[in-house]
Amino acid sequence: MAKKPAQPKGKESVIAKNKRAFHEYEMVDTFECGIVLTGTEVRSLRENNCQLTDGFALVRNNEVWLNNLHIPPYSHGSIFNGDPDRRRKLLLHRKEIRILTQRTQEKGLTLVPTKIYFDKNGRVKVEIALARGKKLHDKRQAMAERDQKREIERALKERNRY
Protein backbone atom coordinates (compact mmCIF):
# COMPACT_ATOMS: atom_id res chain seq x y z
CA MET A 1 0.00 0.00 0.00
CA ALA A 2 1.49 3.34 -1.07
CA LYS A 3 1.82 6.15 1.44
CA LYS A 4 0.03 9.43 0.75
CA PRO A 5 2.36 12.41 0.40
CA ALA A 6 2.19 14.82 3.33
CA GLN A 7 2.19 17.77 0.94
CA PRO A 8 0.11 17.51 -2.24
CA LYS A 9 2.05 18.63 -5.32
CA GLY A 10 0.78 21.56 -7.33
CA LYS A 11 -0.56 23.90 -4.65
CA GLU A 12 0.84 26.16 -1.99
CA SER A 13 0.41 25.12 1.64
CA VAL A 14 0.81 27.73 4.39
CA ILE A 15 2.60 26.50 7.52
CA ALA A 16 2.48 29.68 9.61
CA LYS A 17 1.51 33.34 9.24
CA ASN A 18 2.80 36.21 11.32
CA LYS A 19 -0.46 38.02 12.13
CA ARG A 20 1.25 40.11 14.77
CA ALA A 21 3.55 41.63 12.14
CA PHE A 22 0.57 42.98 10.20
CA HIS A 23 -0.69 44.63 13.39
CA GLU A 24 2.69 46.07 14.41
CA TYR A 25 4.08 47.08 11.00
CA GLU A 26 3.06 48.69 7.74
CA MET A 27 4.30 46.44 4.91
CA VAL A 28 6.21 48.34 2.21
CA ASP A 29 7.50 45.51 -0.03
CA THR A 30 7.60 41.70 0.09
CA PHE A 31 10.19 39.16 -1.06
CA GLU A 32 9.95 35.39 -1.45
CA CYS A 33 13.08 33.50 -0.42
CA GLY A 34 14.28 30.00 0.28
CA ILE A 35 15.63 28.89 3.64
CA VAL A 36 18.45 26.55 4.65
CA LEU A 37 17.02 23.77 6.87
CA THR A 38 18.05 20.35 8.10
CA GLY A 39 16.01 17.23 7.31
CA THR A 40 14.36 16.95 10.71
CA GLU A 41 13.34 20.63 10.57
CA VAL A 42 11.52 20.02 7.30
CA ARG A 43 9.77 17.00 8.80
CA SER A 44 8.76 19.10 11.80
CA LEU A 45 7.36 21.74 9.41
CA ARG A 46 5.36 19.03 7.63
CA GLU A 47 3.69 18.45 11.01
CA ASN A 48 2.77 22.20 10.92
CA ASN A 49 5.10 23.11 13.77
CA CYS A 50 6.49 26.64 13.49
CA GLN A 51 6.36 29.97 15.33
CA LEU A 52 7.09 33.24 13.51
CA THR A 53 5.82 35.86 15.95
CA ASP A 54 9.15 37.13 17.29
CA GLY A 55 11.11 36.54 14.09
CA PHE A 56 13.19 39.14 12.26
CA ALA A 57 15.77 39.12 9.49
CA LEU A 58 19.16 40.82 9.30
CA VAL A 59 21.60 41.41 6.45
CA ARG A 60 25.17 40.54 7.50
CA ASN A 61 28.16 40.20 5.12
CA ASN A 62 25.90 40.13 2.04
CA GLU A 63 23.85 37.27 3.52
CA VAL A 64 20.35 37.42 4.97
CA TRP A 65 19.79 35.61 8.27
CA LEU A 66 16.46 34.81 9.92
CA ASN A 67 16.52 35.04 13.72
CA ASN A 68 14.00 33.86 16.34
CA LEU A 69 12.17 31.45 14.03
CA HIS A 70 11.17 28.63 16.36
CA ILE A 71 10.88 25.19 14.76
CA PRO A 72 10.33 22.62 17.53
CA PRO A 73 12.26 19.34 17.35
CA TYR A 74 10.79 16.61 15.15
CA SER A 75 8.69 14.23 17.24
CA HIS A 76 10.37 11.08 15.86
CA GLY A 77 13.83 12.62 15.55
CA SER A 78 16.97 11.50 17.31
CA ILE A 79 20.33 13.14 17.84
CA PHE A 80 19.92 14.84 14.48
CA ASN A 81 17.35 17.29 15.87
CA GLY A 82 19.05 20.66 15.86
CA ASP A 83 18.63 23.71 18.04
CA PRO A 84 15.03 24.94 17.57
CA ASP A 85 15.99 28.64 17.83
CA ARG A 86 19.16 28.73 15.71
CA ARG A 87 19.79 31.39 13.06
CA ARG A 88 18.81 30.24 9.59
CA LYS A 89 20.19 31.51 6.31
CA LEU A 90 17.75 32.86 3.74
CA LEU A 91 18.40 32.30 0.05
CA LEU A 92 18.01 35.35 -2.18
CA HIS A 93 19.60 36.66 -5.37
CA ARG A 94 22.52 39.08 -4.96
CA LYS A 95 20.53 41.89 -6.51
CA GLU A 96 17.70 41.37 -3.99
CA ILE A 97 20.18 41.32 -1.09
CA ARG A 98 21.71 44.57 -2.35
CA ILE A 99 18.23 46.16 -2.50
CA LEU A 100 17.43 44.93 1.03
CA THR A 101 20.74 46.28 2.36
CA GLN A 102 20.06 49.73 0.92
CA ARG A 103 16.43 49.85 2.01
CA THR A 104 17.05 48.65 5.61
CA GLN A 105 19.59 51.43 6.11
CA GLU A 106 16.77 53.92 5.59
CA LYS A 107 15.23 55.24 8.77
CA GLY A 108 12.53 53.05 10.28
CA LEU A 109 12.60 50.09 7.87
CA THR A 110 13.15 46.52 9.07
CA LEU A 111 12.84 42.98 7.68
CA VAL A 112 10.01 40.90 9.12
CA PRO A 113 8.98 37.35 8.14
CA THR A 114 5.27 37.33 7.30
CA LYS A 115 4.63 33.78 6.11
CA ILE A 116 6.34 30.38 5.86
CA TYR A 117 4.92 27.85 3.43
CA PHE A 118 5.55 24.93 1.09
CA ASP A 119 5.55 26.03 -2.56
CA LYS A 120 3.98 24.04 -5.39
CA ASN A 121 7.15 21.91 -5.68
CA GLY A 122 7.19 21.01 -1.98
CA ARG A 123 10.07 23.33 -1.01
CA VAL A 124 9.94 25.49 2.10
CA LYS A 125 9.74 29.21 1.31
CA VAL A 126 9.67 32.26 3.57
CA GLU A 127 8.00 35.52 2.66
CA ILE A 128 9.80 38.48 4.23
CA ALA A 129 8.61 42.05 4.11
CA LEU A 130 10.27 45.41 4.34
CA ALA A 131 8.22 47.00 7.07
CA ARG A 132 7.86 50.30 8.84
CA GLY A 133 6.67 50.33 12.44
CA LYS A 134 3.17 51.66 13.08
CA LYS A 135 2.47 54.29 15.67
CA LEU A 136 -0.29 53.76 18.24
CA HIS A 137 -2.74 56.04 16.42
CA ASP A 138 -2.17 54.06 13.18
CA LYS A 139 -3.06 50.83 14.99
CA ARG A 140 -6.20 52.40 16.41
CA GLN A 141 -7.18 53.69 12.98
CA ALA A 142 -6.72 50.23 11.43
CA MET A 143 -8.85 48.67 14.20
CA ALA A 144 -11.58 51.28 13.64
CA GLU A 145 -11.60 50.60 9.89
CA ARG A 146 -11.88 46.87 10.54
CA ASP A 147 -14.82 47.43 12.92
CA GLN A 148 -16.58 49.68 10.37
CA LYS A 149 -16.13 47.08 7.64
CA ARG A 150 -17.55 44.39 9.93
CA GLU A 151 -20.59 46.56 10.76
CA ILE A 152 -21.25 47.24 7.07
CA GLU A 153 -21.05 43.54 6.21
CA ARG A 154 -23.38 42.70 9.10
CA ALA A 155 -25.93 45.32 7.96
CA LEU A 156 -25.81 44.11 4.35
CA LYS A 157 -26.22 40.50 5.45
CA GLU A 158 -29.24 41.41 7.59
CA ARG A 159 -30.75 43.47 4.79
CA ASN A 160 -30.40 40.63 2.29
CA ARG A 161 -32.15 38.19 4.60
CA TYR A 162 -35.61 39.62 4.06
C-alpha atoms as a PDB file:
ATOM      1  CA  MET A   1       0.000   0.000   0.000  1.00  0.00           C
ATOM      2  CA  ALA A   2       1.493   3.337  -1.069  1.00  0.00           C
ATOM      3  CA  LYS A   3       1.816   6.152   1.441  1.00  0.00           C
ATOM      4  CA  LYS A   4       0.026   9.431   0.753  1.00  0.00           C
ATOM      5  CA  PRO A   5       2.361  12.415   0.404  1.00  0.00           C
ATOM      6  CA  ALA A   6       2.189  14.821   3.330  1.00  0.00           C
ATOM      7  CA  GLN A   7       2.190  17.771   0.940  1.00  0.00           C
ATOM      8  CA  PRO A   8       0.113  17.507  -2.241  1.00  0.00           C
ATOM      9  CA  LYS A   9       2.053  18.635  -5.323  1.00  0.00           C
ATOM     10  CA  GLY A  10       0.776  21.563  -7.326  1.00  0.00           C
ATOM     11  CA  LYS A  11      -0.555  23.896  -4.654  1.00  0.00           C
ATOM     12  CA  GLU A  12       0.843  26.162  -1.987  1.00  0.00           C
ATOM     13  CA  SER A  13       0.409  25.121   1.641  1.00  0.00           C
ATOM     14  CA  VAL A  14       0.812  27.734   4.387  1.00  0.00           C
ATOM     15  CA  ILE A  15       2.599  26.495   7.518  1.00  0.00           C
ATOM     16  CA  ALA A  16       2.481  29.678   9.609  1.00  0.00           C
ATOM     17  CA  LYS A  17       1.515  33.341   9.244  1.00  0.00           C
ATOM     18  CA  ASN A  18       2.800  36.214  11.320  1.00  0.00           C
ATOM     19  CA  LYS A  19      -0.458  38.017  12.131  1.00  0.00           C
ATOM     20  CA  ARG A  20       1.251  40.112  14.773  1.00  0.00           C
ATOM     21  CA  ALA A  21       3.549  41.632  12.139  1.00  0.00           C
ATOM     22  CA  PHE A  22       0.567  42.984  10.202  1.00  0.00           C
ATOM     23  CA  HIS A  23      -0.687  44.632  13.394  1.00  0.00           C
ATOM     24  CA  GLU A  24       2.688  46.071  14.413  1.00  0.00           C
ATOM     25  CA  TYR A  25       4.077  47.085  11.002  1.00  0.00           C
ATOM     26  CA  GLU A  26       3.061  48.690   7.744  1.00  0.00           C
ATOM     27  CA  MET A  27       4.298  46.444   4.908  1.00  0.00           C
ATOM     28  CA  VAL A  28       6.211  48.336   2.209  1.00  0.00           C
ATOM     29  CA  ASP A  29       7.497  45.513  -0.028  1.00  0.00           C
ATOM     30  CA  THR A  30       7.603  41.697   0.088  1.00  0.00           C
ATOM     31  CA  PHE A  31      10.188  39.156  -1.059  1.00  0.00           C
ATOM     32  CA  GLU A  32       9.953  35.387  -1.446  1.00  0.00           C
ATOM     33  CA  CYS A  33      13.081  33.503  -0.416  1.00  0.00           C
ATOM     34  CA  GLY A  34      14.284  29.997   0.284  1.00  0.00           C
ATOM     35  CA  ILE A  35      15.628  28.892   3.645  1.00  0.00           C
ATOM     36  CA  VAL A  36      18.451  26.551   4.653  1.00  0.00           C
ATOM     37  CA  LEU A  37      17.025  23.772   6.866  1.00  0.00           C
ATOM     38  CA  THR A  38      18.052  20.348   8.103  1.00  0.00           C
ATOM     39  CA  GLY A  39      16.008  17.233   7.305  1.00  0.00           C
ATOM     40  CA  THR A  40      14.364  16.950  10.707  1.00  0.00           C
ATOM     41  CA  GLU A  41      13.342  20.629  10.574  1.00  0.00           C
ATOM     42  CA  VAL A  42      11.518  20.020   7.299  1.00  0.00           C
ATOM     43  CA  ARG A  43       9.767  17.002   8.803  1.00  0.00           C
ATOM     44  CA  SER A  44       8.758  19.097  11.801  1.00  0.00           C
ATOM     45  CA  LEU A  45       7.362  21.742   9.414  1.00  0.00           C
ATOM     46  CA  ARG A  46       5.365  19.032   7.628  1.00  0.00           C
ATOM     47  CA  GLU A  47       3.688  18.452  11.010  1.00  0.00           C
ATOM     48  CA  ASN A  48       2.772  22.202  10.921  1.00  0.00           C
ATOM     49  CA  ASN A  49       5.102  23.113  13.769  1.00  0.00           C
ATOM     50  CA  CYS A  50       6.491  26.636  13.491  1.00  0.00           C
ATOM     51  CA  GLN A  51       6.364  29.967  15.326  1.00  0.00           C
ATOM     52  CA  LEU A  52       7.086  33.238  13.508  1.00  0.00           C
ATOM     53  CA  THR A  53       5.816  35.860  15.946  1.00  0.00           C
ATOM     54  CA  ASP A  54       9.155  37.130  17.291  1.00  0.00           C
ATOM     55  CA  GLY A  55      11.110  36.540  14.088  1.00  0.00           C
ATOM     56  CA  PHE A  56      13.192  39.142  12.264  1.00  0.00           C
ATOM     57  CA  ALA A  57      15.766  39.123   9.485  1.00  0.00           C
ATOM     58  CA  LEU A  58      19.165  40.817   9.304  1.00  0.00           C
ATOM     59  CA  VAL A  59      21.596  41.412   6.451  1.00  0.00           C
ATOM     60  CA  ARG A  60      25.169  40.539   7.501  1.00  0.00           C
ATOM     61  CA  ASN A  61      28.165  40.199   5.125  1.00  0.00           C
ATOM     62  CA  ASN A  62      25.901  40.127   2.037  1.00  0.00           C
ATOM     63  CA  GLU A  63      23.850  37.266   3.516  1.00  0.00           C
ATOM     64  CA  VAL A  64      20.347  37.424   4.967  1.00  0.00           C
ATOM     65  CA  TRP A  65      19.790  35.610   8.275  1.00  0.00           C
ATOM     66  CA  LEU A  66      16.463  34.809   9.925  1.00  0.00           C
ATOM     67  CA  ASN A  67      16.517  35.038  13.718  1.00  0.00           C
ATOM     68  CA  ASN A  68      13.996  33.857  16.337  1.00  0.00           C
ATOM     69  CA  LEU A  69      12.175  31.446  14.026  1.00  0.00           C
ATOM     70  CA  HIS A  70      11.166  28.634  16.360  1.00  0.00           C
ATOM     71  CA  ILE A  71      10.879  25.190  14.758  1.00  0.00           C
ATOM     72  CA  PRO A  72      10.335  22.617  17.530  1.00  0.00           C
ATOM     73  CA  PRO A  73      12.263  19.335  17.352  1.00  0.00           C
ATOM     74  CA  TYR A  74      10.793  16.610  15.145  1.00  0.00           C
ATOM     75  CA  SER A  75       8.685  14.228  17.242  1.00  0.00           C
ATOM     76  CA  HIS A  76      10.371  11.076  15.863  1.00  0.00           C
ATOM     77  CA  GLY A  77      13.830  12.616  15.548  1.00  0.00           C
ATOM     78  CA  SER A  78      16.970  11.500  17.307  1.00  0.00           C
ATOM     79  CA  ILE A  79      20.334  13.140  17.836  1.00  0.00           C
ATOM     80  CA  PHE A  80      19.921  14.842  14.482  1.00  0.00           C
ATOM     81  CA  ASN A  81      17.348  17.288  15.865  1.00  0.00           C
ATOM     82  CA  GLY A  82      19.048  20.663  15.857  1.00  0.00           C
ATOM     83  CA  ASP A  83      18.631  23.713  18.044  1.00  0.00           C
ATOM     84  CA  PRO A  84      15.033  24.941  17.567  1.00  0.00           C
ATOM     85  CA  ASP A  85      15.990  28.637  17.828  1.00  0.00           C
ATOM     86  CA  ARG A  86      19.157  28.733  15.711  1.00  0.00           C
ATOM     87  CA  ARG A  87      19.791  31.391  13.062  1.00  0.00           C
ATOM     88  CA  ARG A  88      18.808  30.236   9.589  1.00  0.00           C
ATOM     89  CA  LYS A  89      20.192  31.512   6.314  1.00  0.00           C
ATOM     90  CA  LEU A  90      17.751  32.864   3.742  1.00  0.00           C
ATOM     91  CA  LEU A  91      18.403  32.297   0.048  1.00  0.00           C
ATOM     92  CA  LEU A  92      18.013  35.355  -2.181  1.00  0.00           C
ATOM     93  CA  HIS A  93      19.601  36.663  -5.371  1.00  0.00           C
ATOM     94  CA  ARG A  94      22.524  39.078  -4.956  1.00  0.00           C
ATOM     95  CA  LYS A  95      20.526  41.890  -6.506  1.00  0.00           C
ATOM     96  CA  GLU A  96      17.703  41.373  -3.995  1.00  0.00           C
ATOM     97  CA  ILE A  97      20.183  41.316  -1.093  1.00  0.00           C
ATOM     98  CA  ARG A  98      21.709  44.574  -2.347  1.00  0.00           C
ATOM     99  CA  ILE A  99      18.233  46.157  -2.498  1.00  0.00           C
ATOM    100  CA  LEU A 100      17.426  44.931   1.034  1.00  0.00           C
ATOM    101  CA  THR A 101      20.737  46.280   2.355  1.00  0.00           C
ATOM    102  CA  GLN A 102      20.062  49.729   0.918  1.00  0.00           C
ATOM    103  CA  ARG A 103      16.426  49.852   2.012  1.00  0.00           C
ATOM    104  CA  THR A 104      17.048  48.654   5.606  1.00  0.00           C
ATOM    105  CA  GLN A 105      19.592  51.428   6.105  1.00  0.00           C
ATOM    106  CA  GLU A 106      16.769  53.921   5.593  1.00  0.00           C
ATOM    107  CA  LYS A 107      15.225  55.244   8.774  1.00  0.00           C
ATOM    108  CA  GLY A 108      12.528  53.055  10.278  1.00  0.00           C
ATOM    109  CA  LEU A 109      12.602  50.087   7.874  1.00  0.00           C
ATOM    110  CA  THR A 110      13.148  46.519   9.065  1.00  0.00           C
ATOM    111  CA  LEU A 111      12.840  42.984   7.680  1.00  0.00           C
ATOM    112  CA  VAL A 112      10.012  40.899   9.123  1.00  0.00           C
ATOM    113  CA  PRO A 113       8.976  37.349   8.141  1.00  0.00           C
ATOM    114  CA  THR A 114       5.273  37.326   7.298  1.00  0.00           C
ATOM    115  CA  LYS A 115       4.634  33.776   6.113  1.00  0.00           C
ATOM    116  CA  ILE A 116       6.338  30.382   5.861  1.00  0.00           C
ATOM    117  CA  TYR A 117       4.924  27.847   3.431  1.00  0.00           C
ATOM    118  CA  PHE A 118       5.553  24.928   1.089  1.00  0.00           C
ATOM    119  CA  ASP A 119       5.551  26.033  -2.561  1.00  0.00           C
ATOM    120  CA  LYS A 120       3.980  24.038  -5.393  1.00  0.00           C
ATOM    121  CA  ASN A 121       7.151  21.908  -5.679  1.00  0.00           C
ATOM    122  CA  GLY A 122       7.194  21.007  -1.977  1.00  0.00           C
ATOM    123  CA  ARG A 123      10.066  23.335  -1.011  1.00  0.00           C
ATOM    124  CA  VAL A 124       9.944  25.495   2.102  1.00  0.00           C
ATOM    125  CA  LYS A 125       9.738  29.210   1.307  1.00  0.00           C
ATOM    126  CA  VAL A 126       9.674  32.258   3.569  1.00  0.00           C
ATOM    127  CA  GLU A 127       8.002  35.525   2.662  1.00  0.00           C
ATOM    128  CA  ILE A 128       9.802  38.478   4.232  1.00  0.00           C
ATOM    129  CA  ALA A 129       8.614  42.051   4.106  1.00  0.00           C
ATOM    130  CA  LEU A 130      10.275  45.414   4.341  1.00  0.00           C
ATOM    131  CA  ALA A 131       8.215  46.997   7.071  1.00  0.00           C
ATOM    132  CA  ARG A 132       7.861  50.304   8.837  1.00  0.00           C
ATOM    133  CA  GLY A 133       6.665  50.334  12.442  1.00  0.00           C
ATOM    134  CA  LYS A 134       3.167  51.665  13.081  1.00  0.00           C
ATOM    135  CA  LYS A 135       2.466  54.289  15.666  1.00  0.00           C
ATOM    136  CA  LEU A 136      -0.285  53.764  18.242  1.00  0.00           C
ATOM    137  CA  HIS A 137      -2.735  56.041  16.417  1.00  0.00           C
ATOM    138  CA  ASP A 138      -2.166  54.063  13.178  1.00  0.00           C
ATOM    139  CA  LYS A 139      -3.060  50.833  14.987  1.00  0.00           C
ATOM    140  CA  ARG A 140      -6.202  52.402  16.411  1.00  0.00           C
ATOM    141  CA  GLN A 141      -7.185  53.692  12.980  1.00  0.00           C
ATOM    142  CA  ALA A 142      -6.717  50.227  11.434  1.00  0.00           C
ATOM    143  CA  MET A 143      -8.848  48.666  14.203  1.00  0.00           C
ATOM    144  CA  ALA A 144     -11.584  51.277  13.642  1.00  0.00           C
ATOM    145  CA  GLU A 145     -11.605  50.598   9.894  1.00  0.00           C
ATOM    146  CA  ARG A 146     -11.881  46.866  10.543  1.00  0.00           C
ATOM    147  CA  ASP A 147     -14.819  47.432  12.917  1.00  0.00           C
ATOM    148  CA  GLN A 148     -16.585  49.678  10.375  1.00  0.00           C
ATOM    149  CA  LYS A 149     -16.131  47.080   7.639  1.00  0.00           C
ATOM    150  CA  ARG A 150     -17.546  44.385   9.929  1.00  0.00           C
ATOM    151  CA  GLU A 151     -20.593  46.560  10.758  1.00  0.00           C
ATOM    152  CA  ILE A 152     -21.249  47.236   7.066  1.00  0.00           C
ATOM    153  CA  GLU A 153     -21.054  43.536   6.212  1.00  0.00           C
ATOM    154  CA  ARG A 154     -23.384  42.701   9.099  1.00  0.00           C
ATOM    155  CA  ALA A 155     -25.932  45.323   7.955  1.00  0.00           C
ATOM    156  CA  LEU A 156     -25.809  44.105   4.352  1.00  0.00           C
ATOM    157  CA  LYS A 157     -26.218  40.500   5.449  1.00  0.00           C
ATOM    158  CA  GLU A 158     -29.237  41.410   7.590  1.00  0.00           C
ATOM    159  CA  ARG A 159     -30.751  43.470   4.787  1.00  0.00           C
ATOM    160  CA  ASN A 160     -30.397  40.628   2.287  1.00  0.00           C
ATOM    161  CA  ARG A 161     -32.151  38.190   4.604  1.00  0.00           C
ATOM    162  CA  TYR A 162     -35.613  39.616   4.063  1.00  0.00           C
END
